[in-house]
Amino acid sequence: MPIVKHFVDNCNSIVDKSTNQYTCIVGDFNIGLINWTVANSSDVYSPGSAAGQYLLDFSIANNYKQCNLITNNKDKTLDLVFTDCPTCQTIPAADVLSLIDPLHPPIEFQLVLTQKSYLPIFRGHKLNFYRADYDAMNKHFGEIKWDDIFTGMVDVDDMTERLYDIIMDAIKQFVPRCQTKVGKYPPWYSGNLINRLRERNKYRQKYNKYQNPLDLISLKLLSKRCKKLTIECYNNYTENIEKNIQRNPKSFWSYIKSKREGSSTYPSSMSDGHVICTNAEDICNLFARHFSSVYVQDTSTTLPFLEDGNNADCYSMICVDREDLLKKLEGLDVTKGAGSDNIPPILFPDVRQLW
């Protein structure tokens, strides 16, 4: 198990630095408890050992497929070929260079490489709710005469639409816009590490220019510190993700996205098996059609008749306590994104005058 863990950690560190490139890992792993024919095609599979589970998790996390399904004389596969290349074919070797080990039959594999391409990253402006002027927004909503606005309205849909118009106007006034940026450093880099890296680059430039031996000493010292800090930051970051993955899954996906520097994480072409889409809007509609296909639309317009119903709890008599409503709003997870109304949860706890 320690050997497999060490191997996986080293592979992950190399893959993290090799963005937008295909990876192929070939080796004698001597883990014969995994049936790779089943493991490659099943979402739930028990490999039979901790080392096998660790290796299987590694392949799934990096979107690798084990392509060697040729078994030895014990009906086991010990020599494995991991790759994220879309096309990989493995066959028994035709030309043998040495005596054949029955436990490790020789193999040949062929990779068909294609250029990876991703959808362009959105480079426009977005609303920055973390820097919004919530005091001014509360004052704005407090000065609105709501009774006058909703007077004469009898349709609840018209009232809701009017309310959203007022909220959107306030967002335009009090929420600043900012330019979207792509981070230069991985998410696990701490401020201290970034400062040390900048300092190291400064001394590297000084040494290259003046060839001062003292600058070289400082450069070597800073390089050691940066290497140590990088390992510490990465280990702390991954450990924190594992502990808080249920409470904060966004940090996990931030780590996954950071492995593709300078590009989006969405392929430029997607297919549902019938239609191929090559732009963002069509891809979104493709997912929408797929997910909507599992729902059954109820076309019935007749309400069920309730016999001997108790009219004591009818909708017209239900009262909502404002304090209870505020408690529920304050309990919202402000790290979540906006819903279909384009209003993020971070807005609700701070704008009390609206409720």
Protein backbone atom coordinates (compact mmCIF):
# COMPACT_ATOMS: atom_id res chain seq x y z
CA MET A 1 0.00 0.00 0.00
CA PRO A 2 2.73 2.64 0.81
CA ILE A 3 4.43 1.90 -2.54
CA VAL A 4 1.19 2.38 -4.49
CA LYS A 5 0.37 5.58 -2.56
CA HIS A 6 3.85 6.95 -3.25
CA PHE A 7 3.49 6.12 -6.94
CA VAL A 8 0.05 7.74 -7.18
CA ASP A 9 1.21 10.90 -5.38
CA ASN A 10 4.18 11.23 -7.73
CA CYS A 11 1.97 10.71 -10.78
CA ASN A 12 -0.50 13.33 -9.57
CA SER A 13 2.27 15.88 -9.04
CA ILE A 14 3.52 15.30 -12.61
CA VAL A 15 0.04 15.37 -14.15
CA ASP A 16 -0.73 18.65 -12.35
CA LYS A 17 2.15 20.27 -14.25
CA SER A 18 1.18 18.74 -17.61
CA THR A 19 -2.04 20.53 -18.44
CA ASN A 20 -3.94 20.06 -21.71
CA GLN A 21 -1.85 17.01 -22.58
CA TYR A 22 -2.63 13.32 -22.82
CA THR A 23 -1.10 10.95 -20.29
CA CYS A 24 -0.08 7.31 -20.68
CA ILE A 25 1.23 5.25 -17.74
CA VAL A 26 2.53 1.72 -18.39
CA GLY A 27 3.93 -0.60 -15.76
CA ASP A 28 3.98 -3.89 -13.89
CA PHE A 29 1.69 -3.24 -10.91
CA ASN A 30 1.34 -6.85 -9.71
CA ILE A 31 -2.20 -6.24 -8.44
CA GLY A 32 -4.07 -9.25 -9.69
CA LEU A 33 -7.29 -8.98 -7.68
CA ILE A 34 -8.91 -6.45 -10.04
CA ASN A 35 -11.02 -7.68 -12.93
CA TRP A 36 -10.43 -4.78 -15.29
CA THR A 37 -13.13 -5.85 -17.72
CA VAL A 38 -15.68 -5.27 -14.94
CA ALA A 39 -13.89 -2.32 -13.32
CA ASN A 40 -13.80 -0.31 -16.55
CA SER A 41 -17.51 -0.77 -17.20
CA SER A 42 -18.97 -0.59 -13.69
CA ASP A 43 -19.54 2.48 -11.53
CA VAL A 44 -19.42 0.40 -8.36
CA TYR A 45 -16.68 -2.21 -8.08
CA SER A 46 -14.71 -3.68 -5.17
CA PRO A 47 -11.08 -4.35 -6.13
CA GLY A 48 -10.48 -6.65 -3.16
CA SER A 49 -7.56 -4.80 -1.56
CA ALA A 50 -6.65 -1.35 -0.23
CA ALA A 51 -3.88 -0.97 -2.82
CA GLY A 52 -6.26 -1.92 -5.61
CA GLN A 53 -8.86 0.55 -4.36
CA TYR A 54 -6.26 3.30 -4.23
CA LEU A 55 -5.18 2.56 -7.80
CA LEU A 56 -8.78 2.40 -9.00
CA ASP A 57 -9.59 5.74 -7.33
CA PHE A 58 -6.53 7.24 -8.99
CA SER A 59 -7.67 6.14 -12.45
CA ILE A 60 -11.23 7.42 -11.91
CA ALA A 61 -10.12 10.77 -10.46
CA ASN A 62 -7.89 11.46 -13.47
CA ASN A 63 -10.33 10.06 -16.04
CA TYR A 64 -7.91 7.27 -16.99
CA LYS A 65 -8.97 3.98 -18.52
CA GLN A 66 -6.98 0.80 -18.06
CA CYS A 67 -6.61 -0.50 -21.63
CA ASN A 68 -4.80 -3.82 -21.19
CA LEU A 69 -7.33 -6.63 -20.87
CA ILE A 70 -4.90 -9.42 -21.85
CA THR A 71 -4.61 -11.93 -19.02
CA ASN A 72 -1.72 -14.21 -18.06
CA ASN A 73 -1.71 -17.97 -17.43
CA LYS A 74 -3.42 -17.35 -14.07
CA ASP A 75 -6.20 -15.35 -15.73
CA LYS A 76 -4.84 -12.17 -14.11
CA THR A 77 -3.75 -8.83 -15.56
CA LEU A 78 -0.59 -7.57 -13.86
CA ASP A 79 0.81 -5.23 -16.55
CA LEU A 80 -1.43 -2.18 -16.83
CA VAL A 81 -1.80 0.63 -19.37
CA PHE A 82 -3.50 3.76 -17.99
CA THR A 83 -4.33 6.61 -20.36
CA ASP A 84 -6.85 9.40 -20.93
CA CYS A 85 -6.31 9.19 -24.68
CA PRO A 86 -9.71 8.60 -26.34
CA THR A 87 -8.39 5.76 -28.52
CA CYS A 88 -6.03 3.07 -27.21
CA GLN A 89 -5.78 -0.46 -28.57
CA THR A 90 -3.83 -3.25 -26.84
CA ILE A 91 -3.01 -6.57 -28.52
CA PRO A 92 -0.62 -9.50 -27.82
CA ALA A 93 2.88 -8.70 -29.06
CA ALA A 94 3.70 -10.19 -32.46
CA ASP A 95 7.49 -9.84 -32.14
CA VAL A 96 8.96 -11.16 -28.89
CA LEU A 97 12.40 -9.86 -27.87
CA SER A 98 13.09 -12.29 -25.00
CA LEU A 99 11.81 -15.37 -23.26
CA ILE A 100 8.12 -15.07 -22.42
CA ASP A 101 7.21 -14.88 -18.74
CA PRO A 102 3.83 -16.67 -18.45
CA LEU A 103 2.80 -14.22 -15.70
CA HIS A 104 3.63 -11.21 -17.89
CA PRO A 105 2.68 -11.86 -21.52
CA PRO A 106 4.19 -9.27 -23.91
CA ILE A 107 1.78 -6.69 -25.29
CA GLU A 108 1.64 -4.00 -27.94
CA PHE A 109 -0.52 -0.90 -27.62
CA GLN A 110 -1.31 1.90 -30.02
CA LEU A 111 -2.48 5.41 -29.13
CA VAL A 112 -4.35 7.65 -31.56
CA LEU A 113 -3.69 11.22 -30.44
CA THR A 114 -5.93 14.15 -31.26
CA GLN A 115 -5.57 17.77 -30.20
CA LYS A 116 -7.56 18.57 -27.07
CA SER A 117 -9.86 21.56 -27.43
CA TYR A 118 -12.12 23.27 -24.92
CA LEU A 119 -14.78 25.93 -24.95
CA PRO A 120 -13.37 29.46 -24.54
CA ILE A 121 -13.46 30.91 -21.04
CA PHE A 122 -15.93 33.72 -20.40
CA ARG A 123 -13.91 36.94 -20.18
CA GLY A 124 -16.72 39.45 -19.60
CA HIS A 125 -17.88 41.26 -16.47
CA LYS A 126 -19.83 39.79 -13.59
CA LEU A 127 -21.60 41.13 -10.51
CA ASN A 128 -19.50 41.19 -7.35
CA PHE A 129 -22.01 40.70 -4.51
CA TYR A 130 -19.22 40.56 -1.94
CA ARG A 131 -18.56 44.29 -2.48
CA ALA A 132 -22.19 45.39 -2.75
CA ASP A 133 -23.41 48.42 -0.74
CA TYR A 134 -26.01 46.60 1.33
CA ASP A 135 -26.63 49.60 3.64
CA ALA A 136 -27.63 51.73 0.67
CA MET A 137 -29.69 48.87 -0.74
CA ASN A 138 -31.56 48.46 2.55
CA LYS A 139 -32.23 52.20 2.65
CA HIS A 140 -33.47 52.07 -0.95
CA PHE A 141 -35.93 49.25 -0.20
CA GLY A 142 -37.03 50.95 3.06
CA GLU A 143 -38.07 54.08 1.15
CA ILE A 144 -40.25 52.15 -1.31
CA LYS A 145 -43.99 52.41 -0.62
CA TRP A 146 -44.94 48.82 -1.30
CA ASP A 147 -48.66 49.30 -0.70
CA ASP A 148 -48.82 51.89 -3.49
CA ILE A 149 -46.88 49.65 -5.87
CA PHE A 150 -49.11 46.60 -5.43
CA THR A 151 -52.40 48.50 -5.18
CA GLY A 152 -54.77 47.35 -7.90
CA MET A 153 -52.82 44.16 -8.63
CA VAL A 154 -54.85 40.97 -8.21
CA ASP A 155 -52.68 38.51 -10.12
CA VAL A 156 -49.91 37.01 -7.99
CA ASP A 157 -47.76 36.47 -11.10
CA ASP A 158 -47.91 40.19 -11.90
CA MET A 159 -46.95 40.99 -8.30
CA THR A 160 -44.01 38.60 -8.41
CA GLU A 161 -42.78 40.01 -11.72
CA ARG A 162 -43.00 43.55 -10.36
CA LEU A 163 -41.06 42.54 -7.23
CA TYR A 164 -38.28 40.99 -9.32
CA ASP A 165 -38.08 44.13 -11.47
CA ILE A 166 -37.53 46.23 -8.35
CA ILE A 167 -34.87 43.84 -7.01
CA MET A 168 -33.02 43.74 -10.34
CA ASP A 169 -33.02 47.55 -10.55
CA ALA A 170 -31.51 47.72 -7.06
CA ILE A 171 -28.85 45.15 -7.99
CA LYS A 172 -27.82 47.29 -10.98
CA GLN A 173 -27.50 50.34 -8.71
CA PHE A 174 -25.71 48.93 -5.67
CA VAL A 175 -23.79 45.85 -6.83
CA PRO A 176 -20.52 46.65 -8.67
CA ARG A 177 -19.32 44.73 -11.69
CA CYS A 178 -15.84 43.26 -12.00
CA GLN A 179 -13.74 41.71 -14.75
CA THR A 180 -13.49 37.93 -14.66
CA LYS A 181 -9.93 36.74 -14.17
CA VAL A 182 -8.08 33.46 -14.52
CA GLY A 183 -5.88 32.74 -11.52
CA LYS A 184 -2.16 32.69 -12.22
CA TYR A 185 -1.45 30.29 -9.37
CA PRO A 186 -3.08 26.98 -8.33
CA PRO A 187 -5.75 27.27 -5.61
CA TRP A 188 -3.58 25.60 -2.96
CA TYR A 189 -0.88 28.31 -3.14
CA SER A 190 -0.92 30.38 0.04
CA GLY A 191 -0.13 34.09 0.18
CA ASN A 192 3.15 33.32 1.89
CA LEU A 193 4.18 30.89 -0.87
CA ILE A 194 3.26 33.37 -3.62
CA ASN A 195 5.38 36.07 -1.96
CA ARG A 196 8.34 33.70 -1.67
CA LEU A 197 8.00 32.73 -5.35
CA ARG A 198 8.02 36.38 -6.39
CA GLU A 199 11.03 37.02 -4.21
CA ARG A 200 12.82 34.03 -5.72
CA ASN A 201 12.12 35.29 -9.25
CA LYS A 202 13.50 38.68 -8.28
CA TYR A 203 16.77 37.15 -7.09
CA ARG A 204 16.96 34.94 -10.18
CA GLN A 205 16.73 38.00 -12.41
CA LYS A 206 19.35 39.83 -10.31
CA TYR A 207 21.76 36.90 -10.46
CA ASN A 208 21.29 36.43 -14.21
CA LYS A 209 22.05 40.10 -14.73
CA TYR A 210 24.91 40.76 -12.26
CA GLN A 211 26.26 37.23 -11.49
CA ASN A 212 26.60 38.17 -7.82
CA PRO A 213 27.48 35.09 -5.66
CA LEU A 214 25.39 36.47 -2.78
CA ASP A 215 22.34 36.57 -5.04
CA LEU A 216 22.98 32.92 -5.94
CA ILE A 217 23.05 31.95 -2.24
CA SER A 218 19.77 33.79 -1.66
CA LEU A 219 18.28 32.16 -4.75
CA LYS A 220 19.16 28.63 -3.58
CA LEU A 221 17.84 29.34 -0.09
CA LEU A 222 14.56 30.70 -1.44
CA SER A 223 14.21 27.75 -3.83
CA LYS A 224 14.44 25.31 -0.90
CA ARG A 225 11.88 27.31 1.05
CA CYS A 226 9.52 27.45 -1.93
CA LYS A 227 9.80 23.71 -2.52
CA LYS A 228 9.05 22.96 1.13
CA LEU A 229 6.16 25.43 1.24
CA THR A 230 4.70 24.03 -1.99
CA ILE A 231 4.58 20.51 -0.52
CA GLU A 232 3.08 21.78 2.75
CA CYS A 233 0.45 23.90 1.00
CA TYR A 234 -0.56 21.10 -1.35
CA ASN A 235 -0.85 18.52 1.44
CA ASN A 236 -2.84 20.91 3.64
CA TYR A 237 -5.12 21.83 0.75
CA THR A 238 -5.91 18.24 -0.27
CA GLU A 239 -6.40 17.20 3.36
CA ASN A 240 -8.82 20.07 3.90
CA ILE A 241 -10.77 19.14 0.75
CA GLU A 242 -11.10 15.53 1.90
CA LYS A 243 -12.37 16.59 5.34
CA ASN A 244 -14.88 19.17 4.05
CA ILE A 245 -15.97 17.64 0.75
CA GLN A 246 -19.53 17.11 2.02
CA ARG A 247 -19.87 20.66 3.37
CA ASN A 248 -17.91 22.44 0.66
CA PRO A 249 -17.78 20.44 -2.59
CA LYS A 250 -16.96 23.62 -4.57
CA SER A 251 -13.38 23.52 -3.29
CA PHE A 252 -12.97 20.03 -4.76
CA TRP A 253 -14.18 21.14 -8.18
CA SER A 254 -11.97 24.23 -7.99
CA TYR A 255 -9.02 21.88 -7.61
CA ILE A 256 -10.16 19.77 -10.56
CA LYS A 257 -10.63 22.84 -12.77
CA SER A 258 -7.24 24.24 -11.80
CA LYS A 259 -5.58 21.24 -13.46
CA ARG A 260 -6.36 22.84 -16.83
CA GLU A 261 -4.59 26.17 -16.67
CA GLY A 262 -5.70 28.81 -19.11
CA SER A 263 -8.65 26.88 -20.53
CA SER A 264 -12.14 25.91 -19.55
CA THR A 265 -12.97 22.43 -18.32
CA TYR A 266 -15.68 21.85 -20.93
CA PRO A 267 -14.82 20.10 -24.21
CA SER A 268 -15.54 22.09 -27.35
CA SER A 269 -17.59 19.21 -28.73
CA MET A 270 -20.14 17.04 -26.89
CA SER A 271 -22.58 14.40 -28.06
CA ASP A 272 -25.52 12.51 -26.58
CA GLY A 273 -24.93 9.64 -28.98
CA HIS A 274 -27.12 11.15 -31.69
CA VAL A 275 -26.42 14.89 -31.92
CA ILE A 276 -23.01 16.60 -31.80
CA CYS A 277 -22.88 20.15 -30.40
CA THR A 278 -19.91 22.49 -30.76
CA ASN A 279 -20.89 25.70 -28.94
CA ALA A 280 -21.82 26.54 -25.36
CA GLU A 281 -25.50 27.29 -25.92
CA ASP A 282 -26.17 24.11 -27.90
CA ILE A 283 -24.28 22.03 -25.33
CA CYS A 284 -26.41 23.49 -22.50
CA ASN A 285 -29.59 22.72 -24.45
CA LEU A 286 -28.29 19.20 -25.05
CA PHE A 287 -27.98 18.62 -21.30
CA ALA A 288 -31.39 20.24 -20.71
CA ARG A 289 -33.08 17.91 -23.17
CA HIS A 290 -31.36 14.89 -21.65
CA PHE A 291 -32.34 15.70 -18.07
CA SER A 292 -35.88 16.74 -18.99
CA SER A 293 -36.39 13.40 -20.71
CA VAL A 294 -36.58 11.60 -17.35
CA TYR A 295 -39.57 13.67 -16.20
CA VAL A 296 -43.17 12.88 -17.01
CA GLN A 297 -45.20 16.00 -17.70
CA ASP A 298 -48.62 15.99 -16.11
CA THR A 299 -51.07 17.49 -18.59
CA SER A 300 -54.03 17.11 -16.26
CA THR A 301 -55.73 20.40 -15.31
CA THR A 302 -58.32 18.94 -12.96
CA LEU A 303 -57.72 19.38 -9.24
CA PRO A 304 -58.45 16.36 -7.02
CA PHE A 305 -61.69 16.47 -5.05
CA LEU A 306 -61.24 16.13 -1.27
CA GLU A 307 -64.21 14.68 0.54
CA ASP A 308 -64.92 15.76 4.13
CA GLY A 309 -61.94 18.13 3.98
CA ASN A 310 -61.10 20.30 6.98
CA ASN A 311 -61.23 23.93 5.90
CA ALA A 312 -59.58 25.20 9.08
CA ASP A 313 -56.15 25.31 7.44
CA CYS A 314 -56.85 26.97 4.12
CA TYR A 315 -54.31 29.05 2.27
CA SER A 316 -56.03 32.35 2.95
CA MET A 317 -55.55 31.87 6.73
CA ILE A 318 -51.83 30.94 6.76
CA CYS A 319 -49.62 33.60 8.37
CA VAL A 320 -45.85 33.85 7.99
CA ASP A 321 -43.90 35.33 10.89
CA ARG A 322 -41.24 37.82 9.70
CA GLU A 323 -38.68 36.73 12.31
CA ASP A 324 -39.06 33.10 11.32
CA LEU A 325 -38.59 34.09 7.68
CA LEU A 326 -35.42 36.04 8.51
CA LYS A 327 -33.99 33.08 10.43
CA LYS A 328 -34.54 30.82 7.43
CA LEU A 329 -32.93 33.35 5.08
CA GLU A 330 -29.92 33.78 7.38
CA GLY A 331 -29.46 30.00 7.34
CA LEU A 332 -28.98 29.91 3.56
CA ASP A 333 -25.62 28.76 2.22
CA VAL A 334 -24.20 31.99 0.75
CA THR A 335 -21.54 30.05 -1.17
CA LYS A 336 -24.18 28.61 -3.51
CA GLY A 337 -24.81 30.12 -6.89
CA ALA A 338 -27.91 31.89 -8.14
CA GLY A 339 -31.03 29.98 -9.06
CA SER A 340 -33.33 30.45 -12.04
CA ASP A 341 -34.17 33.98 -10.81
CA ASN A 342 -30.47 35.04 -11.08
CA ILE A 343 -30.44 36.21 -7.44
CA PRO A 344 -27.69 34.58 -5.33
CA PRO A 345 -28.35 33.52 -1.71
CA ILE A 346 -25.75 36.02 -0.43
CA LEU A 347 -28.25 38.81 -1.12
CA PHE A 348 -31.04 37.58 1.16
CA PRO A 349 -29.50 37.72 4.68
CA ASP A 350 -28.09 41.25 4.18
CA VAL A 351 -31.12 42.92 2.63
CA ARG A 352 -33.51 42.76 5.59
CA GLN A 353 -35.66 45.73 4.48
CA LEU A 354 -36.89 43.67 1.54
CA TRP A 355 -38.57 41.20 3.86
